[in-house]
Amino acid sequence: MGLFINSTNRLCFTTTHKMSRKSDAESHSPFLARFHADFFRVSMALASQAVLWRTLSSGSFSDPWPPIFNSIIEKSFWLLAALVLSSSSLTYLFKSIFYFHIVKAEFLDRWRVNYLFAPWIAAILLLQCVLPSKYDRWRGSSLEDIKFFNWGHLDSLVSRALCCAFTLPILLLELKLYGQWFTKGKRFLSTVANPSTHLSLIGNFVAAQTAARLAWLELGLFLFAIGIIHYVVVFVTLYQRLPCNASFPAQLRPASFLSIAAPSMASVAWESVSGQFDSGCKMLHFLSLFLFTLLVSFNLIITLSSSDLFRRRLRTQASILVGLLLQVVRPTLFVKAMKRFNSAWWAYVFPVTMLALSSAEYAGEVHSGLAHTIRRVISMVSLAMTIGLILLTIVHRKTMFLNDYKLSTSKTRVSPVASPSRTMEEHDSYQTLPL
């Protein structure tokens, strides 16, 4: 027995030593090799905050706080997003030069390729903040004398040139991805679809909204048509959870919130294309609200109702209130993803911000007290999430760029079309990129 215990101890010590040595090796690897496309979601989240608070800074929304509060947040997030986007783009450019094989592997990965849309989405959102808006006439005159809040607008020719420059990469990436889905390629949608696939659709909606605001209504309608048709296809594919579609790791589950951002952004984009927040915009907004409620509240209901402790305390009102509170704060779907801080946590911010933006447009249309209350709550929640993640990123800056899995770039394998009898666990063996 003593010999067995000693052998076990030696085995455990050896395993721990190997794990710590692997972690040290990853921490000392070059920074460019550890900087992957997923980090562009940070600039995308910050840019969306700037767009949201630019909309709320108008005098058409009556809030208990002064309008200067919204303007300060808008300009601060715009500057921070521009700084993060420019530094991230420059870093990734150097990575493309010195580690081109890693960039190529990311382009062939079913997760990372979708985040190549993120920098262009962030750039278009930043461009929207310096374009004329329908809310400009409501802005208070007290802010016009302060130079920090009076940035003015870009020239029409410059704005259109930037819009074309930011939209063209999105279209080129879509031609590559959508062509693989539609033709006889190796990467059918049923095998590569995942929540981050919504980013390509969001790129269409953001570009369509910007084109419509620049009086390119036909281009906006063209981009919106491509995005909404493929959104239906992606939504049905992900909703069915086909057996040939590999399951995604727990660390990437926050990306499921991107299913909220797509209909929210589509609602706002169609308002710009059609000129009014009509029934189509409202239906897309209601869909995003339903998906948000579905993701937040569904999973813990099943867990609590199946537990013996919950059954014994079901009669007490306190247990019900605690259950509802835990249900909102920490759904069981995202428990494993929230154990350790990583860059995937930033996936929560952009969808909630887009939901707040569509809620603001809806509240401005219906002028309902309940709609304005929902708008205020979601807007403050998104702001609190963004500030909290900024602080966590600063605290965990040393471990922010660590990869949990080894990057294999020698040979990138593409998942073939599998039979329904093959399990999801077998498909996970084809994943070669870090999370």
Protein backbone atom coordinates (compact mmCIF):
# COMPACT_ATOMS: atom_id res chain seq x y z
CA MET A 1 0.00 0.00 0.00
CA GLY A 2 2.83 2.37 0.82
CA LEU A 3 4.55 1.60 -2.43
CA PHE A 4 1.30 2.29 -4.33
CA ILE A 5 0.84 5.60 -2.60
CA ASN A 6 4.39 6.65 -3.34
CA SER A 7 4.01 5.71 -7.01
CA THR A 8 0.82 7.67 -7.25
CA ASN A 9 2.47 10.68 -5.67
CA ARG A 10 5.35 10.51 -8.13
CA LEU A 11 2.89 10.26 -11.01
CA CYS A 12 0.90 13.23 -9.78
CA PHE A 13 4.07 15.26 -9.29
CA THR A 14 5.27 14.48 -12.79
CA THR A 15 1.91 15.46 -14.32
CA THR A 16 1.78 18.73 -12.41
CA HIS A 17 5.36 19.51 -13.38
CA LYS A 18 4.57 18.95 -17.06
CA MET A 19 1.48 21.15 -16.89
CA SER A 20 3.36 23.99 -15.21
CA ARG A 21 6.23 23.64 -17.70
CA LYS A 22 3.73 23.86 -20.58
CA SER A 23 2.15 26.96 -19.07
CA ASP A 24 5.56 28.59 -18.62
CA ALA A 25 6.49 27.79 -22.20
CA GLU A 26 3.29 29.39 -23.48
CA SER A 27 3.81 32.48 -21.34
CA HIS A 28 7.32 32.93 -22.78
CA SER A 29 6.25 32.42 -26.39
CA PRO A 30 6.37 35.48 -28.67
CA PHE A 31 3.57 37.95 -28.19
CA LEU A 32 2.75 38.06 -31.89
CA ALA A 33 2.24 34.30 -31.93
CA ARG A 34 -0.20 34.53 -29.01
CA PHE A 35 -2.18 37.45 -30.44
CA HIS A 36 -5.05 35.90 -32.41
CA ALA A 37 -8.04 37.29 -34.28
CA ASP A 38 -10.41 36.83 -31.34
CA PHE A 39 -9.03 39.95 -29.65
CA PHE A 40 -10.67 42.14 -32.28
CA ARG A 41 -13.91 41.60 -30.39
CA VAL A 42 -12.64 44.07 -27.78
CA SER A 43 -12.53 46.96 -30.24
CA MET A 44 -15.87 45.87 -31.67
CA ALA A 45 -17.46 45.99 -28.20
CA LEU A 46 -16.01 49.41 -27.41
CA ALA A 47 -17.11 50.82 -30.77
CA SER A 48 -20.65 49.58 -30.21
CA GLN A 49 -20.71 51.39 -26.88
CA ALA A 50 -19.75 54.62 -28.66
CA VAL A 51 -22.62 54.17 -31.14
CA LEU A 52 -25.11 53.42 -28.37
CA TRP A 53 -24.28 56.44 -26.25
CA ARG A 54 -24.17 58.71 -29.29
CA THR A 55 -27.78 57.73 -29.89
CA LEU A 56 -28.68 58.25 -26.24
CA SER A 57 -26.89 61.61 -26.03
CA SER A 58 -29.65 63.27 -28.02
CA GLY A 59 -32.38 65.24 -26.29
CA SER A 60 -35.11 62.98 -27.66
CA PHE A 61 -34.53 60.52 -24.80
CA SER A 62 -35.49 61.75 -21.35
CA ASP A 63 -33.21 60.16 -18.76
CA PRO A 64 -32.74 61.00 -15.08
CA TRP A 65 -29.05 61.81 -15.71
CA PRO A 66 -27.89 64.91 -17.64
CA PRO A 67 -27.17 64.61 -21.41
CA ILE A 68 -23.54 65.54 -20.84
CA PHE A 69 -23.08 62.16 -19.14
CA ASN A 70 -23.99 60.37 -22.37
CA SER A 71 -21.73 62.63 -24.43
CA ILE A 72 -18.75 62.01 -22.16
CA ILE A 73 -19.23 58.25 -22.38
CA GLU A 74 -19.66 58.42 -26.15
CA LYS A 75 -16.47 60.36 -26.83
CA SER A 76 -14.46 58.37 -24.28
CA PHE A 77 -15.44 55.03 -25.77
CA TRP A 78 -14.84 56.33 -29.31
CA LEU A 79 -11.29 57.35 -28.49
CA LEU A 80 -10.60 54.15 -26.58
CA ALA A 81 -12.06 51.98 -29.37
CA ALA A 82 -10.02 53.83 -32.02
CA LEU A 83 -6.87 53.30 -29.96
CA VAL A 84 -7.55 49.60 -29.37
CA LEU A 85 -8.53 48.99 -33.00
CA SER A 86 -5.47 50.73 -34.45
CA SER A 87 -3.05 48.98 -32.08
CA SER A 88 -4.70 45.58 -32.62
CA SER A 89 -4.68 46.01 -36.40
CA LEU A 90 -1.02 47.00 -36.39
CA THR A 91 -0.15 44.05 -34.18
CA TYR A 92 -2.02 41.62 -36.41
CA LEU A 93 -0.34 43.13 -39.47
CA PHE A 94 3.07 42.35 -37.99
CA LYS A 95 1.84 38.88 -37.13
CA SER A 96 0.83 38.39 -40.77
CA ILE A 97 4.36 39.28 -41.79
CA PHE A 98 6.35 37.25 -39.27
CA TYR A 99 3.89 34.42 -38.52
CA PHE A 100 2.01 34.01 -41.73
CA HIS A 101 1.54 30.26 -41.18
CA ILE A 102 -0.41 30.97 -37.98
CA VAL A 103 -2.59 33.55 -39.74
CA LYS A 104 -3.25 31.01 -42.48
CA ALA A 105 -4.26 28.43 -39.90
CA GLU A 106 -6.65 30.92 -38.32
CA PHE A 107 -8.18 31.61 -41.72
CA LEU A 108 -8.84 27.89 -42.15
CA ASP A 109 -10.32 27.47 -38.67
CA ARG A 110 -14.10 27.44 -38.40
CA TRP A 111 -14.02 29.77 -35.37
CA ARG A 112 -11.17 32.18 -35.99
CA VAL A 113 -12.08 33.01 -39.59
CA ASN A 114 -15.30 34.66 -38.44
CA TYR A 115 -13.42 37.08 -36.19
CA LEU A 116 -11.64 38.47 -39.22
CA PHE A 117 -14.89 40.39 -39.77
CA ALA A 118 -14.58 42.07 -36.35
CA PRO A 119 -12.02 44.81 -37.16
CA TRP A 120 -14.02 45.96 -40.19
CA ILE A 121 -17.24 45.96 -38.17
CA ALA A 122 -15.53 48.06 -35.49
CA ALA A 123 -14.19 50.48 -38.11
CA ILE A 124 -17.64 50.95 -39.65
CA LEU A 125 -19.18 51.54 -36.22
CA LEU A 126 -16.60 54.20 -35.48
CA LEU A 127 -17.38 55.77 -38.85
CA GLN A 128 -21.06 55.95 -37.92
CA CYS A 129 -20.23 58.15 -34.94
CA VAL A 130 -18.92 60.91 -37.23
CA LEU A 131 -21.78 60.75 -39.74
CA PRO A 132 -24.90 62.93 -39.64
CA SER A 133 -27.69 61.35 -37.60
CA LYS A 134 -31.42 61.88 -37.38
CA TYR A 135 -30.92 62.72 -33.70
CA ASP A 136 -28.57 65.65 -34.37
CA ARG A 137 -31.43 68.16 -34.28
CA TRP A 138 -32.23 67.09 -30.73
CA ARG A 139 -28.76 67.69 -29.35
CA GLY A 140 -28.64 70.35 -26.68
CA SER A 141 -27.12 73.70 -27.54
CA SER A 142 -25.27 73.75 -24.21
CA LEU A 143 -22.75 71.22 -25.57
CA GLU A 144 -22.00 73.03 -28.81
CA ASP A 145 -19.66 75.52 -27.12
CA ILE A 146 -17.47 72.72 -25.74
CA LYS A 147 -14.91 71.68 -28.33
CA PHE A 148 -14.61 68.14 -26.98
CA PHE A 149 -18.25 67.42 -27.72
CA ASN A 150 -18.48 69.25 -31.05
CA TRP A 151 -16.51 67.07 -33.46
CA GLY A 152 -18.60 67.89 -36.51
CA HIS A 153 -19.07 65.47 -39.40
CA LEU A 154 -16.81 64.05 -42.07
CA ASP A 155 -17.06 65.25 -45.63
CA SER A 156 -19.47 63.21 -47.75
CA LEU A 157 -16.76 62.14 -50.21
CA VAL A 158 -14.40 61.06 -47.43
CA SER A 159 -17.19 59.19 -45.63
CA ARG A 160 -18.15 57.27 -48.75
CA ALA A 161 -14.53 56.41 -49.49
CA LEU A 162 -14.04 55.05 -45.97
CA CYS A 163 -17.31 53.15 -46.18
CA CYS A 164 -16.18 51.43 -49.38
CA ALA A 165 -12.75 50.69 -47.91
CA PHE A 166 -14.26 49.03 -44.81
CA THR A 167 -17.06 47.19 -46.66
CA LEU A 168 -14.97 45.66 -49.44
CA PRO A 169 -13.01 43.25 -47.13
CA ILE A 170 -16.32 42.08 -45.65
CA LEU A 171 -17.67 41.25 -49.11
CA LEU A 172 -14.46 39.46 -50.10
CA LEU A 173 -14.54 37.32 -46.97
CA GLU A 174 -18.20 36.54 -47.55
CA LEU A 175 -17.54 35.45 -51.13
CA LYS A 176 -15.03 32.95 -49.76
CA LEU A 177 -17.15 31.64 -46.89
CA TYR A 178 -20.55 31.65 -48.55
CA GLY A 179 -19.07 30.05 -51.64
CA GLN A 180 -17.83 27.17 -49.50
CA TRP A 181 -21.30 26.75 -48.02
CA PHE A 182 -23.13 26.88 -51.34
CA THR A 183 -20.82 24.96 -53.66
CA LYS A 184 -19.14 21.57 -53.39
CA GLY A 185 -16.40 22.71 -51.08
CA LYS A 186 -14.98 20.85 -48.10
CA ARG A 187 -16.54 23.16 -45.52
CA PHE A 188 -20.30 22.81 -45.63
CA LEU A 189 -22.30 25.02 -43.31
CA SER A 190 -23.67 22.01 -41.43
CA THR A 191 -20.14 21.09 -40.32
CA VAL A 192 -18.59 24.51 -39.65
CA ALA A 193 -21.55 26.51 -38.31
CA ASN A 194 -21.03 27.94 -34.83
CA PRO A 195 -22.22 31.03 -32.93
CA SER A 196 -19.35 33.15 -34.25
CA THR A 197 -20.74 32.66 -37.77
CA HIS A 198 -23.14 35.49 -36.95
CA LEU A 199 -20.26 37.95 -37.32
CA SER A 200 -20.35 37.70 -41.10
CA LEU A 201 -24.06 38.52 -41.02
CA ILE A 202 -23.53 41.41 -38.61
CA GLY A 203 -20.95 42.80 -41.01
CA ASN A 204 -23.63 42.93 -43.71
CA PHE A 205 -26.10 44.72 -41.46
CA VAL A 206 -23.58 47.28 -40.19
CA ALA A 207 -22.42 48.05 -43.72
CA ALA A 208 -26.02 48.28 -44.95
CA GLN A 209 -26.91 50.78 -42.24
CA THR A 210 -23.88 52.94 -43.02
CA ALA A 211 -24.53 52.86 -46.77
CA ALA A 212 -28.15 53.90 -46.22
CA ARG A 213 -27.09 56.81 -44.02
CA LEU A 214 -24.76 57.92 -46.82
CA ALA A 215 -27.75 57.98 -49.24
CA TRP A 216 -26.67 54.75 -50.96
CA LEU A 217 -30.06 53.12 -50.51
CA GLU A 218 -29.60 50.54 -53.26
CA LEU A 219 -26.26 49.42 -51.86
CA GLY A 220 -27.76 49.27 -48.39
CA LEU A 221 -30.66 47.17 -49.63
CA PHE A 222 -28.23 44.87 -51.47
CA LEU A 223 -26.12 44.28 -48.34
CA PHE A 224 -29.17 43.83 -46.13
CA ALA A 225 -30.70 41.28 -48.52
CA ILE A 226 -27.55 39.16 -48.46
CA GLY A 227 -27.35 39.35 -44.68
CA ILE A 228 -30.98 38.57 -43.87
CA ILE A 229 -31.20 35.56 -46.22
CA HIS A 230 -28.03 34.00 -44.84
CA TYR A 231 -29.15 34.83 -41.29
CA VAL A 232 -32.21 32.63 -41.76
CA VAL A 233 -30.00 29.81 -43.03
CA VAL A 234 -27.50 30.11 -40.17
CA PHE A 235 -30.24 30.47 -37.56
CA VAL A 236 -31.99 27.29 -38.70
CA THR A 237 -28.69 25.37 -38.90
CA LEU A 238 -27.64 26.32 -35.38
CA TYR A 239 -31.13 25.79 -33.98
CA GLN A 240 -31.32 22.23 -35.30
CA ARG A 241 -27.98 21.17 -33.76
CA LEU A 242 -27.31 18.61 -36.48
CA PRO A 243 -25.29 15.54 -35.46
CA CYS A 244 -22.67 16.35 -38.07
CA ASN A 245 -22.05 19.75 -36.47
CA ALA A 246 -19.29 19.47 -33.88
CA SER A 247 -19.96 20.79 -30.39
CA PHE A 248 -17.97 23.81 -29.28
CA PRO A 249 -15.84 24.00 -26.12
CA ALA A 250 -17.09 25.48 -22.88
CA GLN A 251 -14.62 28.38 -23.02
CA LEU A 252 -16.27 29.63 -26.21
CA ARG A 253 -19.86 29.47 -25.02
CA PRO A 254 -20.10 33.26 -24.45
CA ALA A 255 -20.07 33.55 -28.25
CA SER A 256 -23.63 32.19 -28.16
CA PHE A 257 -24.73 35.71 -27.28
CA LEU A 258 -23.91 36.74 -30.85
CA SER A 259 -27.25 35.24 -31.80
CA ILE A 260 -28.77 38.28 -30.05
CA ALA A 261 -26.63 40.80 -31.92
CA ALA A 262 -27.65 39.67 -35.40
CA PRO A 263 -31.42 40.43 -35.20
CA SER A 264 -30.77 43.56 -33.13
CA MET A 265 -28.38 44.94 -35.74
CA ALA A 266 -30.74 43.85 -38.53
CA SER A 267 -33.54 45.81 -36.87
CA VAL A 268 -31.49 49.01 -36.76
CA ALA A 269 -30.14 48.48 -40.30
CA TRP A 270 -33.60 48.02 -41.79
CA GLU A 271 -34.72 51.24 -40.11
CA SER A 272 -31.97 53.11 -41.96
CA VAL A 273 -32.80 51.41 -45.26
CA SER A 274 -36.60 51.85 -45.04
CA GLY A 275 -36.54 55.23 -43.33
CA GLN A 276 -38.75 54.25 -40.39
CA PHE A 277 -38.92 51.76 -37.52
CA ASP A 278 -41.71 49.71 -39.07
CA SER A 279 -43.19 46.30 -38.24
CA GLY A 280 -40.21 44.45 -39.68
CA CYS A 281 -37.84 46.29 -37.36
CA LYS A 282 -40.10 45.58 -34.40
CA MET A 283 -40.29 41.86 -35.18
CA LEU A 284 -36.49 41.62 -35.36
CA HIS A 285 -36.21 43.54 -32.09
CA PHE A 286 -38.72 41.25 -30.38
CA LEU A 287 -36.78 38.23 -31.66
CA SER A 288 -33.58 39.55 -30.10
CA LEU A 289 -35.39 40.14 -26.79
CA PHE A 290 -36.74 36.60 -26.86
CA LEU A 291 -33.31 35.10 -27.62
CA PHE A 292 -31.79 37.14 -24.81
CA THR A 293 -34.38 35.84 -22.36
CA LEU A 294 -33.89 32.33 -23.70
CA LEU A 295 -30.12 32.35 -23.19
CA VAL A 296 -30.27 33.94 -19.75
CA SER A 297 -33.12 32.11 -18.11
CA PHE A 298 -33.69 28.68 -19.62
CA ASN A 299 -30.87 26.50 -18.33
CA LEU A 300 -31.04 27.06 -14.59
CA ILE A 301 -34.77 26.40 -14.51
CA ILE A 302 -34.15 22.81 -15.53
CA THR A 303 -31.23 22.41 -13.10
CA LEU A 304 -33.08 23.82 -10.10
CA SER A 305 -36.30 21.96 -10.79
CA SER A 306 -34.44 18.64 -10.98
CA SER A 307 -32.53 19.07 -7.70
CA ASP A 308 -33.79 17.54 -4.44
CA LEU A 309 -32.77 20.60 -2.44
CA PHE A 310 -34.92 22.83 -4.59
CA ARG A 311 -37.88 20.44 -4.22
CA ARG A 312 -37.60 20.45 -0.43
CA ARG A 313 -37.50 24.26 -0.30
CA LEU A 314 -39.94 24.89 -3.09
CA ARG A 315 -42.60 26.01 -0.64
CA THR A 316 -40.52 28.88 0.66
CA GLN A 317 -40.58 32.14 -1.24
CA ALA A 318 -36.93 32.82 -0.40
CA SER A 319 -35.67 29.82 -2.37
CA ILE A 320 -37.66 30.91 -5.40
CA LEU A 321 -36.22 34.42 -5.28
CA VAL A 322 -32.67 33.09 -4.85
CA GLY A 323 -33.22 30.72 -7.75
CA LEU A 324 -34.42 33.52 -10.00
CA LEU A 325 -31.44 35.67 -8.98
CA LEU A 326 -28.94 32.91 -9.77
CA GLN A 327 -30.81 32.26 -12.97
CA VAL A 328 -30.08 35.81 -14.17
CA VAL A 329 -26.56 36.12 -12.77
CA ARG A 330 -25.00 32.78 -13.70
CA PRO A 331 -26.84 30.45 -16.08
CA THR A 332 -25.56 26.88 -16.08
CA LEU A 333 -24.78 27.08 -19.78
CA PHE A 334 -21.96 29.54 -19.05
CA VAL A 335 -20.70 28.25 -15.67
CA LYS A 336 -17.66 26.47 -17.14
CA ALA A 337 -16.85 29.45 -19.34
CA MET A 338 -16.79 31.78 -16.32
CA LYS A 339 -14.34 29.82 -14.17
CA ARG A 340 -11.27 31.64 -15.46
CA PHE A 341 -11.05 35.03 -17.13
CA ASN A 342 -10.20 34.99 -20.83
CA SER A 343 -10.83 37.11 -23.89
CA ALA A 344 -14.05 35.21 -24.66
CA TRP A 345 -15.79 37.17 -21.90
CA TRP A 346 -15.79 40.17 -24.21
CA ALA A 347 -18.31 38.33 -26.38
CA TYR A 348 -21.02 39.35 -23.89
CA VAL A 349 -20.66 43.11 -24.44
CA PHE A 350 -21.35 43.60 -28.14
CA PRO A 351 -24.66 41.62 -28.27
CA VAL A 352 -26.06 43.31 -25.16
CA THR A 353 -25.04 46.71 -26.52
CA MET A 354 -26.73 46.03 -29.85
CA LEU A 355 -29.85 44.94 -27.97
CA ALA A 356 -29.76 48.22 -26.05
CA LEU A 357 -29.39 50.12 -29.33
CA SER A 358 -32.41 48.43 -30.90
CA SER A 359 -34.33 49.01 -27.65
CA ALA A 360 -33.51 52.70 -27.90
CA GLU A 361 -34.77 52.88 -31.47
CA TYR A 362 -37.93 51.01 -30.48
CA ALA A 363 -38.53 53.26 -27.48
CA GLY A 364 -38.06 56.33 -29.65
CA GLU A 365 -40.74 55.03 -32.00
CA VAL A 366 -43.47 53.85 -29.61
CA HIS A 367 -42.85 56.38 -26.75
CA SER A 368 -43.85 53.85 -24.12
CA GLY A 369 -42.82 54.04 -20.50
CA LEU A 370 -42.06 50.32 -20.37
CA ALA A 371 -39.96 50.53 -23.53
CA HIS A 372 -37.90 53.39 -22.10
CA THR A 373 -37.43 51.47 -18.85
CA ILE A 374 -36.13 48.43 -20.73
CA ARG A 375 -33.84 50.71 -22.73
CA ARG A 376 -32.37 52.29 -19.61
CA VAL A 377 -31.85 48.95 -17.85
CA ILE A 378 -30.16 47.23 -20.80
CA SER A 379 -28.03 50.31 -21.54
CA MET A 380 -26.75 50.52 -17.96
CA VAL A 381 -26.14 46.76 -17.87
CA SER A 382 -24.05 46.97 -21.03
CA LEU A 383 -22.12 49.93 -19.63
CA ALA A 384 -21.45 48.11 -16.35
CA MET A 385 -20.31 44.99 -18.23
CA THR A 386 -17.94 47.02 -20.39
CA ILE A 387 -16.36 48.87 -17.47
CA GLY A 388 -16.06 45.63 -15.51
CA LEU A 389 -14.35 43.83 -18.39
CA ILE A 390 -11.96 46.74 -18.91
CA LEU A 391 -10.92 46.48 -15.26
CA LEU A 392 -10.60 42.69 -15.46
CA THR A 393 -8.52 42.99 -18.61
CA ILE A 394 -6.15 45.39 -16.87
CA VAL A 395 -5.86 43.13 -13.81
CA HIS A 396 -5.35 39.96 -15.88
CA ARG A 397 -3.24 41.55 -18.61
CA LYS A 398 -0.45 39.00 -18.14
CA THR A 399 -2.73 36.01 -18.70
CA MET A 400 -5.00 37.67 -21.25
CA PHE A 401 -3.04 36.36 -24.23
CA LEU A 402 -2.35 32.84 -22.99
CA ASN A 403 -3.73 29.97 -25.07
CA ASP A 404 -5.35 27.01 -23.37
CA TYR A 405 -4.54 24.64 -26.21
CA LYS A 406 -1.55 24.19 -28.43
CA LEU A 407 -1.69 25.73 -31.88
CA SER A 408 -1.07 23.19 -34.62
CA THR A 409 -0.05 24.83 -37.86
CA SER A 410 1.82 22.05 -39.58
CA LYS A 411 -1.30 20.65 -41.18
CA THR A 412 -4.72 22.19 -40.79
CA ARG A 413 -7.43 19.62 -41.18
CA VAL A 414 -10.92 20.40 -42.39
CA SER A 415 -13.82 18.45 -40.96
CA PRO A 416 -15.42 16.28 -43.63
CA VAL A 417 -19.13 15.77 -44.00
CA ALA A 418 -19.94 13.12 -41.41
CA SER A 419 -22.73 10.65 -41.20
CA PRO A 420 -25.41 11.23 -38.54
CA SER A 421 -24.13 8.24 -36.58
CA ARG A 422 -20.83 9.95 -35.81
CA THR A 423 -20.90 11.64 -32.43
CA MET A 424 -19.97 15.20 -31.61
CA GLU A 425 -16.99 14.10 -29.57
CA GLU A 426 -15.40 12.51 -32.62
CA HIS A 427 -15.64 15.80 -34.51
CA ASP A 428 -13.86 17.66 -31.71
CA SER A 429 -10.68 15.81 -32.65
CA TYR A 430 -10.45 17.90 -35.82
CA GLN A 431 -10.07 21.14 -33.90
CA THR A 432 -6.42 22.16 -34.03
CA LEU A 433 -6.45 25.80 -32.99
CA PRO A 434 -6.27 27.15 -29.44
CA LEU A 435 -9.32 28.52 -27.72
